[in-house]
Amino acid sequence: MTSDAYKFGYAIRREWPSGEHDLFGFTPDADIAQRHLDRDQGYWQSGPVRPAAVFVVAVNARDVERHPVGGCRQSWCPNVPERGQR
């Protein structure tokens, strides 16, 4: 484990109506995180299946690295939207 694993940044949290969530797209740059968010929201906007919510959360790289790939229900996952989101 390198010191980069504890690097602070942002990720996208996608919540599903089933109560599961995804956490992905770590970046140390808030502007890049916003672009990831815009792209993800655009992708799901016209589909028949849509997430209940998609937002940017403050995380460290390890939070994202350790996160399960399939839907997750862990209570320890970052779940507070980053302030100042559009």
PDB file of N, CA and C in Angstrom:
ATOM      1  N   MET A   1       0.853  -1.170   0.000  1.00  0.00           N
ATOM      2  CA  MET A   1       0.000   0.000   0.000  1.00  0.00           C
ATOM      3  C   MET A   1       0.898   1.231   0.000  1.00  0.00           C
ATOM      4  N   THR A   2       0.685   2.091  -0.955  1.00  0.00           N
ATOM      5  CA  THR A   2       1.481   3.318  -1.051  1.00  0.00           C
ATOM      6  C   THR A   2       0.764   4.469  -0.369  1.00  0.00           C
ATOM      7  N   SER A   3       1.479   5.552  -0.172  1.00  0.00           N
ATOM      8  CA  SER A   3       0.868   6.727   0.456  1.00  0.00           C
ATOM      9  C   SER A   3      -0.210   7.327  -0.444  1.00  0.00           C
ATOM     10  N   ASP A   4      -0.173   7.045  -1.762  1.00  0.00           N
ATOM     11  CA  ASP A   4      -1.209   7.534  -2.671  1.00  0.00           C
ATOM     12  C   ASP A   4      -2.582   6.969  -2.324  1.00  0.00           C
ATOM     13  N   ALA A   5      -2.628   5.827  -1.648  1.00  0.00           N
ATOM     14  CA  ALA A   5      -3.906   5.212  -1.287  1.00  0.00           C
ATOM     15  C   ALA A   5      -4.701   6.110  -0.350  1.00  0.00           C
ATOM     16  N   TYR A   6      -4.014   6.982   0.379  1.00  0.00           N
ATOM     17  CA  TYR A   6      -4.697   7.862   1.326  1.00  0.00           C
ATOM     18  C   TYR A   6      -4.864   9.274   0.775  1.00  0.00           C
ATOM     19  N   LYS A   7      -4.628   9.442  -0.504  1.00  0.00           N
ATOM     20  CA  LYS A   7      -4.775  10.741  -1.154  1.00  0.00           C
ATOM     21  C   LYS A   7      -6.239  11.167  -1.110  1.00  0.00           C
ATOM     22  N   PHE A   8      -6.481  12.415  -0.765  1.00  0.00           N
ATOM     23  CA  PHE A   8      -7.831  12.954  -0.684  1.00  0.00           C
ATOM     24  C   PHE A   8      -8.292  13.389  -2.061  1.00  0.00           C
ATOM     25  N   GLY A   9      -9.579  13.214  -2.309  1.00  0.00           N
ATOM     26  CA  GLY A   9     -10.144  13.655  -3.578  1.00  0.00           C
ATOM     27  C   GLY A   9     -11.647  13.482  -3.590  1.00  0.00           C
ATOM     28  N   TYR A  10     -12.155  13.138  -4.762  1.00  0.00           N
ATOM     29  CA  TYR A  10     -13.598  13.051  -4.977  1.00  0.00           C
ATOM     30  C   TYR A  10     -13.923  11.800  -5.787  1.00  0.00           C
ATOM     31  N   ALA A  11     -15.133  11.327  -5.625  1.00  0.00           N
ATOM     32  CA  ALA A  11     -15.620  10.193  -6.410  1.00  0.00           C
ATOM     33  C   ALA A  11     -17.112  10.390  -6.655  1.00  0.00           C
ATOM     34  N   ILE A  12     -17.651   9.563  -7.528  1.00  0.00           N
ATOM     35  CA  ILE A  12     -19.072   9.592  -7.832  1.00  0.00           C
ATOM     36  C   ILE A  12     -19.761   8.494  -7.038  1.00  0.00           C
ATOM     37  N   ARG A  13     -20.856   8.854  -6.421  1.00  0.00           N
ATOM     38  CA  ARG A  13     -21.688   7.865  -5.733  1.00  0.00           C
ATOM     39  C   ARG A  13     -23.016   7.803  -6.486  1.00  0.00           C
ATOM     40  N   ARG A  14     -23.345   6.600  -6.925  1.00  0.00           N
ATOM     41  CA  ARG A  14     -24.593   6.365  -7.658  1.00  0.00           C
ATOM     42  C   ARG A  14     -25.462   5.472  -6.774  1.00  0.00           C
ATOM     43  N   GLU A  15     -26.637   5.971  -6.390  1.00  0.00           N
ATOM     44  CA  GLU A  15     -27.555   5.215  -5.534  1.00  0.00           C
ATOM     45  C   GLU A  15     -28.700   4.656  -6.372  1.00  0.00           C
ATOM     46  N   TRP A  16     -29.048   3.413  -6.085  1.00  0.00           N
ATOM     47  CA  TRP A  16     -30.110   2.715  -6.807  1.00  0.00           C
ATOM     48  C   TRP A  16     -31.368   2.621  -5.957  1.00  0.00           C
ATOM     49  N   PRO A  17     -32.535   2.552  -6.577  1.00  0.00           N
ATOM     50  CA  PRO A  17     -33.790   2.441  -5.816  1.00  0.00           C
ATOM     51  C   PRO A  17     -33.808   1.243  -4.858  1.00  0.00           C
ATOM     52  N   SER A  18     -33.024   0.208  -5.157  1.00  0.00           N
ATOM     53  CA  SER A  18     -32.974  -0.992  -4.301  1.00  0.00           C
ATOM     54  C   SER A  18     -32.246  -0.753  -2.984  1.00  0.00           C
ATOM     55  N   GLY A  19     -31.571   0.407  -2.859  1.00  0.00           N
ATOM     56  CA  GLY A  19     -30.806   0.703  -1.653  1.00  0.00           C
ATOM     57  C   GLY A  19     -29.318   0.428  -1.811  1.00  0.00           C
ATOM     58  N   GLU A  20     -28.924  -0.179  -2.921  1.00  0.00           N
ATOM     59  CA  GLU A  20     -27.509  -0.399  -3.186  1.00  0.00           C
ATOM     60  C   GLU A  20     -26.904   0.859  -3.789  1.00  0.00           C
ATOM     61  N   HIS A  21     -25.570   0.933  -3.746  1.00  0.00           N
ATOM     62  CA  HIS A  21     -24.886   2.086  -4.342  1.00  0.00           C
ATOM     63  C   HIS A  21     -23.577   1.636  -4.979  1.00  0.00           C
ATOM     64  N   ASP A  22     -23.063   2.486  -5.855  1.00  0.00           N
ATOM     65  CA  ASP A  22     -21.762   2.304  -6.479  1.00  0.00           C
ATOM     66  C   ASP A  22     -20.901   3.497  -6.099  1.00  0.00           C
ATOM     67  N   LEU A  23     -19.608   3.278  -5.969  1.00  0.00           N
ATOM     68  CA  LEU A  23     -18.655   4.348  -5.676  1.00  0.00           C
ATOM     69  C   LEU A  23     -17.493   4.175  -6.647  1.00  0.00           C
ATOM     70  N   PHE A  24     -17.231   5.177  -7.480  1.00  0.00           N
ATOM     71  CA  PHE A  24     -16.237   5.008  -8.536  1.00  0.00           C
ATOM     72  C   PHE A  24     -15.705   6.353  -9.011  1.00  0.00           C
ATOM     73  N   GLY A  25     -14.683   6.308  -9.844  1.00  0.00           N
ATOM     74  CA  GLY A  25     -14.175   7.500 -10.518  1.00  0.00           C
ATOM     75  C   GLY A  25     -13.356   8.425  -9.646  1.00  0.00           C
ATOM     76  N   PHE A  26     -12.482   7.874  -8.787  1.00  0.00           N
ATOM     77  CA  PHE A  26     -11.669   8.743  -7.929  1.00  0.00           C
ATOM     78  C   PHE A  26     -10.830   9.712  -8.755  1.00  0.00           C
ATOM     79  N   THR A  27     -10.800  10.952  -8.306  1.00  0.00           N
ATOM     80  CA  THR A  27      -9.916  11.981  -8.861  1.00  0.00           C
ATOM     81  C   THR A  27      -9.608  12.997  -7.762  1.00  0.00           C
ATOM     82  N   PRO A  28      -8.393  13.514  -7.725  1.00  0.00           N
ATOM     83  CA  PRO A  28      -8.068  14.558  -6.745  1.00  0.00           C
ATOM     84  C   PRO A  28      -8.570  15.941  -7.172  1.00  0.00           C
ATOM     85  N   ASP A  29      -9.118  16.048  -8.381  1.00  0.00           N
ATOM     86  CA  ASP A  29      -9.525  17.340  -8.943  1.00  0.00           C
ATOM     87  C   ASP A  29     -11.053  17.487  -8.936  1.00  0.00           C
ATOM     88  N   ALA A  30     -11.571  18.521  -8.278  1.00  0.00           N
ATOM     89  CA  ALA A  30     -13.016  18.740  -8.171  1.00  0.00           C
ATOM     90  C   ALA A  30     -13.665  19.000  -9.528  1.00  0.00           C
ATOM     91  N   ASP A  31     -12.980  19.697 -10.421  1.00  0.00           N
ATOM     92  CA  ASP A  31     -13.544  19.964 -11.747  1.00  0.00           C
ATOM     93  C   ASP A  31     -13.699  18.686 -12.565  1.00  0.00           C
ATOM     94  N   ILE A  32     -12.721  17.809 -12.468  1.00  0.00           N
ATOM     95  CA  ILE A  32     -12.818  16.522 -13.166  1.00  0.00           C
ATOM     96  C   ILE A  32     -13.941  15.693 -12.572  1.00  0.00           C
ATOM     97  N   ALA A  33     -14.091  15.718 -11.260  1.00  0.00           N
ATOM     98  CA  ALA A  33     -15.189  14.992 -10.613  1.00  0.00           C
ATOM     99  C   ALA A  33     -16.536  15.505 -11.120  1.00  0.00           C
ATOM    100  N   GLN A  34     -16.653  16.799 -11.278  1.00  0.00           N
ATOM    101  CA  GLN A  34     -17.900  17.369 -11.788  1.00  0.00           C
ATOM    102  C   GLN A  34     -18.169  16.904 -13.215  1.00  0.00           C
ATOM    103  N   ARG A  35     -17.132  16.832 -14.030  1.00  0.00           N
ATOM    104  CA  ARG A  35     -17.305  16.339 -15.408  1.00  0.00           C
ATOM    105  C   ARG A  35     -17.732  14.871 -15.408  1.00  0.00           C
ATOM    106  N   HIS A  36     -17.139  14.068 -14.508  1.00  0.00           N
ATOM    107  CA  HIS A  36     -17.550  12.663 -14.385  1.00  0.00           C
ATOM    108  C   HIS A  36     -19.029  12.580 -13.996  1.00  0.00           C
ATOM    109  N   LEU A  37     -19.434  13.443 -13.067  1.00  0.00           N
ATOM    110  CA  LEU A  37     -20.827  13.464 -12.622  1.00  0.00           C
ATOM    111  C   LEU A  37     -21.755  13.836 -13.771  1.00  0.00           C
ATOM    112  N   ASP A  38     -21.427  14.881 -14.494  1.00  0.00           N
ATOM    113  CA  ASP A  38     -22.259  15.320 -15.620  1.00  0.00           C
ATOM    114  C   ASP A  38     -22.395  14.213 -16.658  1.00  0.00           C
ATOM    115  N   ARG A  39     -21.292  13.547 -16.966  1.00  0.00           N
ATOM    116  CA  ARG A  39     -21.313  12.468 -17.951  1.00  0.00           C
ATOM    117  C   ARG A  39     -22.176  11.300 -17.464  1.00  0.00           C
ATOM    118  N   ASP A  40     -22.042  10.934 -16.197  1.00  0.00           N
ATOM    119  CA  ASP A  40     -22.819   9.818 -15.661  1.00  0.00           C
ATOM    120  C   ASP A  40     -24.309  10.140 -15.642  1.00  0.00           C
ATOM    121  N   GLN A  41     -24.658  11.342 -15.223  1.00  0.00           N
ATOM    122  CA  GLN A  41     -26.065  11.734 -15.205  1.00  0.00           C
ATOM    123  C   GLN A  41     -26.639  11.748 -16.620  1.00  0.00           C
ATOM    124  N   GLY A  42     -25.869  12.217 -17.586  1.00  0.00           N
ATOM    125  CA  GLY A  42     -26.319  12.239 -18.973  1.00  0.00           C
ATOM    126  C   GLY A  42     -26.548  10.843 -19.525  1.00  0.00           C
ATOM    127  N   TYR A  43     -25.691   9.924 -19.143  1.00  0.00           N
ATOM    128  CA  TYR A  43     -25.809   8.551 -19.623  1.00  0.00           C
ATOM    129  C   TYR A  43     -27.134   7.920 -19.176  1.00  0.00           C
ATOM    130  N   TRP A  44     -27.483   8.103 -17.914  1.00  0.00           N
ATOM    131  CA  TRP A  44     -28.668   7.451 -17.353  1.00  0.00           C
ATOM    132  C   TRP A  44     -29.961   8.205 -17.614  1.00  0.00           C
ATOM    133  N   GLN A  45     -29.879   9.448 -18.018  1.00  0.00           N
ATOM    134  CA  GLN A  45     -31.052  10.319 -18.134  1.00  0.00           C
ATOM    135  C   GLN A  45     -32.146   9.766 -19.043  1.00  0.00           C
ATOM    136  N   SER A  46     -31.790   9.190 -20.163  1.00  0.00           N
ATOM    137  CA  SER A  46     -32.819   8.763 -21.120  1.00  0.00           C
ATOM    138  C   SER A  46     -33.152   7.274 -21.050  1.00  0.00           C
ATOM    139  N   GLY A  47     -32.521   6.551 -20.178  1.00  0.00           N
ATOM    140  CA  GLY A  47     -32.745   5.110 -20.115  1.00  0.00           C
ATOM    141  C   GLY A  47     -33.962   4.721 -19.297  1.00  0.00           C
ATOM    142  N   PRO A  48     -34.432   3.495 -19.489  1.00  0.00           N
ATOM    143  CA  PRO A  48     -35.589   3.016 -18.734  1.00  0.00           C
ATOM    144  C   PRO A  48     -35.255   2.701 -17.269  1.00  0.00           C
ATOM    145  N   VAL A  49     -33.981   2.427 -16.996  1.00  0.00           N
ATOM    146  CA  VAL A  49     -33.530   2.173 -15.628  1.00  0.00           C
ATOM    147  C   VAL A  49     -32.654   3.349 -15.227  1.00  0.00           C
ATOM    148  N   ARG A  50     -32.997   3.962 -14.097  1.00  0.00           N
ATOM    149  CA  ARG A  50     -32.242   5.138 -13.658  1.00  0.00           C
ATOM    150  C   ARG A  50     -31.875   5.024 -12.182  1.00  0.00           C
ATOM    151  N   PRO A  51     -30.713   5.562 -11.813  1.00  0.00           N
ATOM    152  CA  PRO A  51     -30.363   5.607 -10.397  1.00  0.00           C
ATOM    153  C   PRO A  51     -31.303   6.556  -9.654  1.00  0.00           C
ATOM    154  N   ALA A  52     -31.445   6.337  -8.364  1.00  0.00           N
ATOM    155  CA  ALA A  52     -32.253   7.232  -7.536  1.00  0.00           C
ATOM    156  C   ALA A  52     -31.529   8.563  -7.329  1.00  0.00           C
ATOM    157  N   ALA A  53     -30.198   8.528  -7.289  1.00  0.00           N
ATOM    158  CA  ALA A  53     -29.394   9.737  -7.101  1.00  0.00           C
ATOM    159  C   ALA A  53     -27.973   9.474  -7.582  1.00  0.00           C
ATOM    160  N   VAL A  54     -27.324  10.524  -8.055  1.00  0.00           N
ATOM    161  CA  VAL A  54     -25.918  10.473  -8.441  1.00  0.00           C
ATOM    162  C   VAL A  54     -25.298  11.776  -7.967  1.00  0.00           C
ATOM    163  N   PHE A  55     -24.200  11.693  -7.195  1.00  0.00           N
ATOM    164  CA  PHE A  55     -23.575  12.909  -6.693  1.00  0.00           C
ATOM    165  C   PHE A  55     -22.102  12.683  -6.387  1.00  0.00           C
ATOM    166  N   VAL A  56     -21.370  13.780  -6.216  1.00  0.00           N
ATOM    167  CA  VAL A  56     -19.949  13.741  -5.881  1.00  0.00           C
ATOM    168  C   VAL A  56     -19.808  13.676  -4.366  1.00  0.00           C
ATOM    169  N   VAL A  57     -18.898  12.808  -3.894  1.00  0.00           N
ATOM    170  CA  VAL A  57     -18.597  12.725  -2.463  1.00  0.00           C
ATOM    171  C   VAL A  57     -17.100  12.927  -2.258  1.00  0.00           C
ATOM    172  N   ALA A  58     -16.738  13.472  -1.121  1.00  0.00           N
ATOM    173  CA  ALA A  58     -15.334  13.610  -0.746  1.00  0.00           C
ATOM    174  C   ALA A  58     -14.859  12.264  -0.208  1.00  0.00           C
ATOM    175  N   VAL A  59     -13.731  11.783  -0.717  1.00  0.00           N
ATOM    176  CA  VAL A  59     -13.206  10.465  -0.337  1.00  0.00           C
ATOM    177  C   VAL A  59     -11.691  10.495  -0.346  1.00  0.00           C
ATOM    178  N   ASN A  60     -11.109   9.391   0.131  1.00  0.00           N
ATOM    179  CA  ASN A  60      -9.693   9.174  -0.149  1.00  0.00           C
ATOM    180  C   ASN A  60      -9.607   8.007  -1.128  1.00  0.00           C
ATOM    181  N   ALA A  61      -8.488   7.884  -1.787  1.00  0.00           N
ATOM    182  CA  ALA A  61      -8.336   6.880  -2.838  1.00  0.00           C
ATOM    183  C   ALA A  61      -8.626   5.473  -2.321  1.00  0.00           C
ATOM    184  N   ARG A  62      -8.289   5.210  -1.088  1.00  0.00           N
ATOM    185  CA  ARG A  62      -8.508   3.878  -0.527  1.00  0.00           C
ATOM    186  C   ARG A  62      -9.996   3.546  -0.412  1.00  0.00           C
ATOM    187  N   ASP A  63     -10.835   4.544  -0.090  1.00  0.00           N
ATOM    188  CA  ASP A  63     -12.281   4.315  -0.024  1.00  0.00           C
ATOM    189  C   ASP A  63     -12.785   3.727  -1.338  1.00  0.00           C
ATOM    190  N   VAL A  64     -12.323   4.285  -2.435  1.00  0.00           N
ATOM    191  CA  VAL A  64     -12.775   3.851  -3.760  1.00  0.00           C
ATOM    192  C   VAL A  64     -12.124   2.525  -4.128  1.00  0.00           C
ATOM    193  N   GLU A  65     -10.844   2.394  -3.839  1.00  0.00           N
ATOM    194  CA  GLU A  65     -10.108   1.172  -4.164  1.00  0.00           C
ATOM    195  C   GLU A  65     -10.708  -0.046  -3.461  1.00  0.00           C
ATOM    196  N   ARG A  66     -11.131   0.091  -2.227  1.00  0.00           N
ATOM    197  CA  ARG A  66     -11.671  -1.018  -1.437  1.00  0.00           C
ATOM    198  C   ARG A  66     -13.151  -1.281  -1.705  1.00  0.00           C
ATOM    199  N   HIS A  67     -13.801  -0.395  -2.410  1.00  0.00           N
ATOM    200  CA  HIS A  67     -15.247  -0.504  -2.592  1.00  0.00           C
ATOM    201  C   HIS A  67     -15.609  -1.677  -3.495  1.00  0.00           C
ATOM    202  N   PRO A  68     -16.648  -2.455  -3.123  1.00  0.00           N
ATOM    203  CA  PRO A  68     -17.088  -3.549  -3.994  1.00  0.00           C
ATOM    204  C   PRO A  68     -17.535  -3.031  -5.354  1.00  0.00           C
ATOM    205  N   VAL A  69     -17.280  -3.798  -6.402  1.00  0.00           N
ATOM    206  CA  VAL A  69     -17.656  -3.376  -7.747  1.00  0.00           C
ATOM    207  C   VAL A  69     -19.160  -3.491  -7.947  1.00  0.00           C
ATOM    208  N   GLY A  70     -19.749  -4.590  -7.521  1.00  0.00           N
ATOM    209  CA  GLY A  70     -21.203  -4.749  -7.613  1.00  0.00           C
ATOM    210  C   GLY A  70     -21.879  -3.911  -6.550  1.00  0.00           C
ATOM    211  N   GLY A  71     -23.158  -3.692  -6.676  1.00  0.00           N
ATOM    212  CA  GLY A  71     -23.900  -2.873  -5.707  1.00  0.00           C
ATOM    213  C   GLY A  71     -23.509  -3.145  -4.273  1.00  0.00           C
ATOM    214  N   CYS A  72     -23.433  -2.112  -3.486  1.00  0.00           N
ATOM    215  CA  CYS A  72     -22.968  -2.190  -2.102  1.00  0.00           C
ATOM    216  C   CYS A  72     -24.031  -1.605  -1.173  1.00  0.00           C
ATOM    217  N   ARG A  73     -24.085  -2.127   0.039  1.00  0.00           N
ATOM    218  CA  ARG A  73     -24.976  -1.594   1.071  1.00  0.00           C
ATOM    219  C   ARG A  73     -24.220  -1.273   2.365  1.00  0.00           C
ATOM    220  N   GLN A  74     -22.909  -1.194   2.280  1.00  0.00           N
ATOM    221  CA  GLN A  74     -22.092  -0.933   3.467  1.00  0.00           C
ATOM    222  C   GLN A  74     -22.370   0.458   4.039  1.00  0.00           C
ATOM    223  N   SER A  75     -22.490   0.551   5.338  1.00  0.00           N
ATOM    224  CA  SER A  75     -22.779   1.837   5.972  1.00  0.00           C
ATOM    225  C   SER A  75     -21.538   2.726   6.073  1.00  0.00           C
ATOM    226  N   TRP A  76     -20.338   2.162   5.950  1.00  0.00           N
ATOM    227  CA  TRP A  76     -19.112   2.958   6.088  1.00  0.00           C
ATOM    228  C   TRP A  76     -18.782   3.767   4.834  1.00  0.00           C
ATOM    229  N   CYS A  77     -19.451   3.522   3.729  1.00  0.00           N
ATOM    230  CA  CYS A  77     -19.138   4.208   2.477  1.00  0.00           C
ATOM    231  C   CYS A  77     -19.484   5.697   2.556  1.00  0.00           C
ATOM    232  N   PRO A  78     -18.651   6.543   1.967  1.00  0.00           N
ATOM    233  CA  PRO A  78     -18.950   7.984   1.952  1.00  0.00           C
ATOM    234  C   PRO A  78     -20.308   8.226   1.293  1.00  0.00           C
ATOM    235  N   ASN A  79     -21.138   9.042   1.932  1.00  0.00           N
ATOM    236  CA  ASN A  79     -22.484   9.248   1.400  1.00  0.00           C
ATOM    237  C   ASN A  79     -22.998  10.674   1.534  1.00  0.00           C
ATOM    238  N   VAL A  80     -22.123  11.624   1.779  1.00  0.00           N
ATOM    239  CA  VAL A  80     -22.546  13.013   1.920  1.00  0.00           C
ATOM    240  C   VAL A  80     -22.166  13.765   0.648  1.00  0.00           C
ATOM    241  N   PRO A  81     -23.161  14.324  -0.054  1.00  0.00           N
ATOM    242  CA  PRO A  81     -22.821  15.067  -1.276  1.00  0.00           C
ATOM    243  C   PRO A  81     -21.852  16.199  -0.983  1.00  0.00           C
ATOM    244  N   GLU A  82     -20.914  16.387  -1.895  1.00  0.00           N
ATOM    245  CA  GLU A  82     -19.936  17.475  -1.766  1.00  0.00           C
ATOM    246  C   GLU A  82     -20.675  18.810  -1.848  1.00  0.00           C
ATOM    247  N   ARG A  83     -20.393  19.709  -0.941  1.00  0.00           N
ATOM    248  CA  ARG A  83     -21.043  21.021  -0.950  1.00  0.00           C
ATOM    249  C   ARG A  83     -20.673  21.793  -2.200  1.00  0.00           C
ATOM    250  N   GLY A  84     -21.605  22.597  -2.650  1.00  0.00           N
ATOM    251  CA  GLY A  84     -21.348  23.427  -3.806  1.00  0.00           C
ATOM    252  C   GLY A  84     -21.639  22.747  -5.118  1.00  0.00           C
ATOM    253  N   GLN A  85     -22.226  21.557  -5.085  1.00  0.00           N
ATOM    254  CA  GLN A  85     -22.542  20.871  -6.330  1.00  0.00           C
ATOM    255  C   GLN A  85     -23.643  21.604  -7.052  1.00  0.00           C
ATOM    256  N   ARG A  86     -23.612  21.542  -8.361  1.00  0.00           N
ATOM    257  CA  ARG A  86     -24.610  22.202  -9.207  1.00  0.00           C
ATOM    258  C   ARG A  86     -25.888  21.426  -9.227  1.00  0.00           C
TER     259      ARG A  86
END
